[in-house]
Amino acid sequence: MTIPKQVRETLGLKRQGRVVIGVEPAKKSFTIHQPPSIFDLAGTFTPKDKRKIIDAVKIRDYMEKHYERT
């Protein structure tokens, strides 16, 4: 769906991608908003088992030392 530029600017829709359209029949209206991206959600969830938290820097270092192309 193409949303006109003026409407996108008014609603604050900045990036391309998905939008959520909600319909309220009783009010005869609808809402449009952009759902959060995976990057917006980073850090908002915590694992159930705190022992399984892995540092991304350690993972990268491990991969650089042990990864081998085949």
N, C-alpha and C. Protein backbone atom coordinates (compact mmCIF):
# COMPACT_ATOMS: atom_id res chain seq x y z
N MET A 1 0.85 -1.17 0.00
CA MET A 1 0.00 0.00 0.00
C MET A 1 0.90 1.23 0.00
N THR A 2 0.58 2.17 -0.80
CA THR A 2 1.32 3.42 -0.85
C THR A 2 0.60 4.47 -0.02
N ILE A 3 1.32 5.02 0.93
CA ILE A 3 0.76 6.08 1.78
C ILE A 3 1.39 7.39 1.32
N PRO A 4 0.58 8.38 1.01
CA PRO A 4 1.11 9.66 0.52
C PRO A 4 2.13 10.27 1.49
N LYS A 5 3.11 10.97 0.94
CA LYS A 5 4.20 11.55 1.71
C LYS A 5 3.69 12.44 2.84
N GLN A 6 2.72 13.28 2.56
CA GLN A 6 2.20 14.19 3.58
C GLN A 6 1.60 13.42 4.75
N VAL A 7 0.90 12.33 4.45
CA VAL A 7 0.31 11.50 5.51
C VAL A 7 1.42 10.82 6.30
N ARG A 8 2.44 10.27 5.61
CA ARG A 8 3.57 9.63 6.30
C ARG A 8 4.27 10.61 7.24
N GLU A 9 4.50 11.83 6.76
CA GLU A 9 5.16 12.83 7.60
C GLU A 9 4.30 13.20 8.80
N THR A 10 3.00 13.35 8.59
CA THR A 10 2.09 13.69 9.68
C THR A 10 2.05 12.58 10.74
N LEU A 11 2.08 11.33 10.29
CA LEU A 11 2.03 10.19 11.22
C LEU A 11 3.39 9.81 11.78
N GLY A 12 4.44 10.41 11.24
CA GLY A 12 5.79 10.11 11.73
C GLY A 12 6.31 8.77 11.24
N LEU A 13 5.83 8.29 10.09
CA LEU A 13 6.32 7.04 9.52
C LEU A 13 7.60 7.36 8.75
N LYS A 14 8.74 6.90 9.26
CA LYS A 14 10.02 7.32 8.70
C LYS A 14 10.65 6.29 7.77
N ARG A 15 10.49 5.03 8.05
CA ARG A 15 11.18 4.05 7.22
C ARG A 15 10.18 3.24 6.40
N GLN A 16 10.71 2.64 5.37
CA GLN A 16 9.85 1.77 4.57
C GLN A 16 9.60 0.49 5.36
N GLY A 17 8.56 -0.21 5.01
CA GLY A 17 8.29 -1.47 5.67
C GLY A 17 6.82 -1.62 5.99
N ARG A 18 6.58 -2.29 7.07
CA ARG A 18 5.21 -2.63 7.45
C ARG A 18 4.55 -1.54 8.27
N VAL A 19 3.26 -1.46 8.14
CA VAL A 19 2.45 -0.61 9.01
C VAL A 19 1.29 -1.46 9.52
N VAL A 20 0.78 -1.08 10.65
CA VAL A 20 -0.38 -1.75 11.22
C VAL A 20 -1.55 -0.79 11.10
N ILE A 21 -2.62 -1.28 10.52
CA ILE A 21 -3.82 -0.47 10.36
C ILE A 21 -4.90 -1.06 11.25
N GLY A 22 -5.36 -0.24 12.19
CA GLY A 22 -6.43 -0.66 13.09
C GLY A 22 -7.73 0.03 12.71
N VAL A 23 -8.81 -0.73 12.76
CA VAL A 23 -10.12 -0.18 12.38
C VAL A 23 -11.01 -0.16 13.61
N GLU A 24 -11.68 0.96 13.83
CA GLU A 24 -12.63 1.12 14.93
C GLU A 24 -14.00 1.44 14.34
N PRO A 25 -14.80 0.40 14.04
CA PRO A 25 -16.09 0.61 13.38
C PRO A 25 -17.05 1.50 14.18
N ALA A 26 -17.03 1.39 15.51
CA ALA A 26 -17.94 2.20 16.32
C ALA A 26 -17.66 3.69 16.16
N LYS A 27 -16.40 4.04 16.01
CA LYS A 27 -16.02 5.44 15.85
C LYS A 27 -15.92 5.83 14.38
N LYS A 28 -16.06 4.85 13.49
CA LYS A 28 -15.90 5.07 12.05
C LYS A 28 -14.55 5.71 11.76
N SER A 29 -13.49 5.11 12.34
CA SER A 29 -12.15 5.62 12.14
C SER A 29 -11.15 4.47 12.05
N PHE A 30 -9.94 4.83 11.68
CA PHE A 30 -8.87 3.84 11.67
C PHE A 30 -7.57 4.51 12.11
N THR A 31 -6.62 3.69 12.53
CA THR A 31 -5.32 4.19 12.96
C THR A 31 -4.25 3.51 12.14
N ILE A 32 -3.16 4.20 11.93
CA ILE A 32 -2.01 3.65 11.23
C ILE A 32 -0.79 3.92 12.10
N HIS A 33 -0.03 2.87 12.37
CA HIS A 33 1.25 3.06 13.06
C HIS A 33 2.25 2.03 12.56
N GLN A 34 3.51 2.33 12.79
CA GLN A 34 4.58 1.45 12.35
C GLN A 34 5.03 0.61 13.54
N PRO A 35 5.01 -0.72 13.40
CA PRO A 35 5.46 -1.58 14.51
C PRO A 35 6.96 -1.42 14.72
N PRO A 36 7.44 -1.73 15.91
CA PRO A 36 8.87 -1.61 16.16
C PRO A 36 9.66 -2.62 15.34
N SER A 37 10.88 -2.25 14.98
CA SER A 37 11.75 -3.18 14.26
C SER A 37 12.46 -4.05 15.28
N ILE A 38 13.13 -5.07 14.82
CA ILE A 38 13.88 -5.95 15.71
C ILE A 38 14.95 -5.17 16.46
N PHE A 39 15.49 -4.13 15.83
CA PHE A 39 16.51 -3.31 16.48
C PHE A 39 15.91 -2.45 17.60
N ASP A 40 14.65 -2.02 17.43
CA ASP A 40 13.98 -1.26 18.48
C ASP A 40 13.74 -2.12 19.71
N LEU A 41 13.59 -3.43 19.51
CA LEU A 41 13.29 -4.36 20.60
C LEU A 41 14.53 -4.85 21.33
N ALA A 42 15.70 -4.57 20.79
CA ALA A 42 16.95 -5.05 21.39
C ALA A 42 17.07 -4.58 22.84
N GLY A 43 17.34 -5.50 23.72
CA GLY A 43 17.52 -5.19 25.13
C GLY A 43 16.24 -5.15 25.94
N THR A 44 15.09 -5.36 25.32
CA THR A 44 13.84 -5.30 26.07
C THR A 44 13.43 -6.65 26.64
N PHE A 45 14.05 -7.72 26.17
CA PHE A 45 13.72 -9.05 26.67
C PHE A 45 14.90 -9.62 27.45
N THR A 46 14.61 -10.36 28.49
CA THR A 46 15.66 -11.02 29.26
C THR A 46 15.42 -12.52 29.22
N PRO A 47 16.49 -13.30 29.14
CA PRO A 47 16.32 -14.75 29.10
C PRO A 47 15.82 -15.27 30.45
N LYS A 48 15.11 -16.39 30.39
CA LYS A 48 14.61 -16.99 31.63
C LYS A 48 15.76 -17.49 32.49
N ASP A 49 16.77 -18.05 31.84
CA ASP A 49 17.93 -18.57 32.55
C ASP A 49 19.08 -17.59 32.38
N LYS A 50 19.37 -16.84 33.41
CA LYS A 50 20.38 -15.78 33.33
C LYS A 50 21.77 -16.33 33.02
N ARG A 51 22.00 -17.62 33.27
CA ARG A 51 23.31 -18.22 32.98
C ARG A 51 23.57 -18.29 31.49
N LYS A 52 22.53 -18.20 30.66
CA LYS A 52 22.68 -18.35 29.22
C LYS A 52 22.91 -17.02 28.51
N ILE A 53 23.13 -15.95 29.23
CA ILE A 53 23.41 -14.65 28.60
C ILE A 53 24.81 -14.73 27.99
N ILE A 54 24.91 -14.44 26.70
CA ILE A 54 26.17 -14.54 26.00
C ILE A 54 26.55 -13.16 25.47
N ASP A 55 27.78 -12.79 25.71
CA ASP A 55 28.29 -11.50 25.25
C ASP A 55 28.61 -11.57 23.76
N ALA A 56 28.06 -10.66 22.98
CA ALA A 56 28.25 -10.67 21.53
C ALA A 56 29.72 -10.49 21.16
N VAL A 57 30.46 -9.72 21.93
CA VAL A 57 31.89 -9.52 21.64
C VAL A 57 32.65 -10.83 21.81
N LYS A 58 32.31 -11.59 22.86
CA LYS A 58 32.95 -12.89 23.07
C LYS A 58 32.63 -13.86 21.94
N ILE A 59 31.40 -13.81 21.46
CA ILE A 59 31.01 -14.68 20.35
C ILE A 59 31.84 -14.33 19.11
N ARG A 60 31.95 -13.05 18.83
CA ARG A 60 32.73 -12.62 17.65
C ARG A 60 34.19 -13.05 17.77
N ASP A 61 34.78 -12.86 18.94
CA ASP A 61 36.17 -13.28 19.15
C ASP A 61 36.31 -14.79 18.96
N TYR A 62 35.39 -15.55 19.49
CA TYR A 62 35.42 -17.01 19.35
C TYR A 62 35.34 -17.40 17.87
N MET A 63 34.42 -16.78 17.13
CA MET A 63 34.26 -17.10 15.72
C MET A 63 35.52 -16.75 14.93
N GLU A 64 36.15 -15.63 15.24
CA GLU A 64 37.36 -15.24 14.53
C GLU A 64 38.50 -16.23 14.78
N LYS A 65 38.56 -16.79 15.97
CA LYS A 65 39.63 -17.74 16.30
C LYS A 65 39.36 -19.16 15.79
N HIS A 66 38.08 -19.54 15.73
CA HIS A 66 37.76 -20.94 15.45
C HIS A 66 37.07 -21.19 14.11
N TYR A 67 36.60 -20.17 13.45
CA TYR A 67 35.89 -20.37 12.19
C TYR A 67 36.86 -20.68 11.06
N GLU A 68 36.49 -21.65 10.26
CA GLU A 68 37.33 -22.04 9.14
C GLU A 68 36.47 -22.26 7.92
N ARG A 69 36.80 -21.59 6.83
CA ARG A 69 36.04 -21.78 5.59
C ARG A 69 36.31 -23.15 5.02
N THR A 70 35.26 -23.75 4.47
CA THR A 70 35.45 -25.08 3.86
C THR A 70 35.30 -25.02 2.37
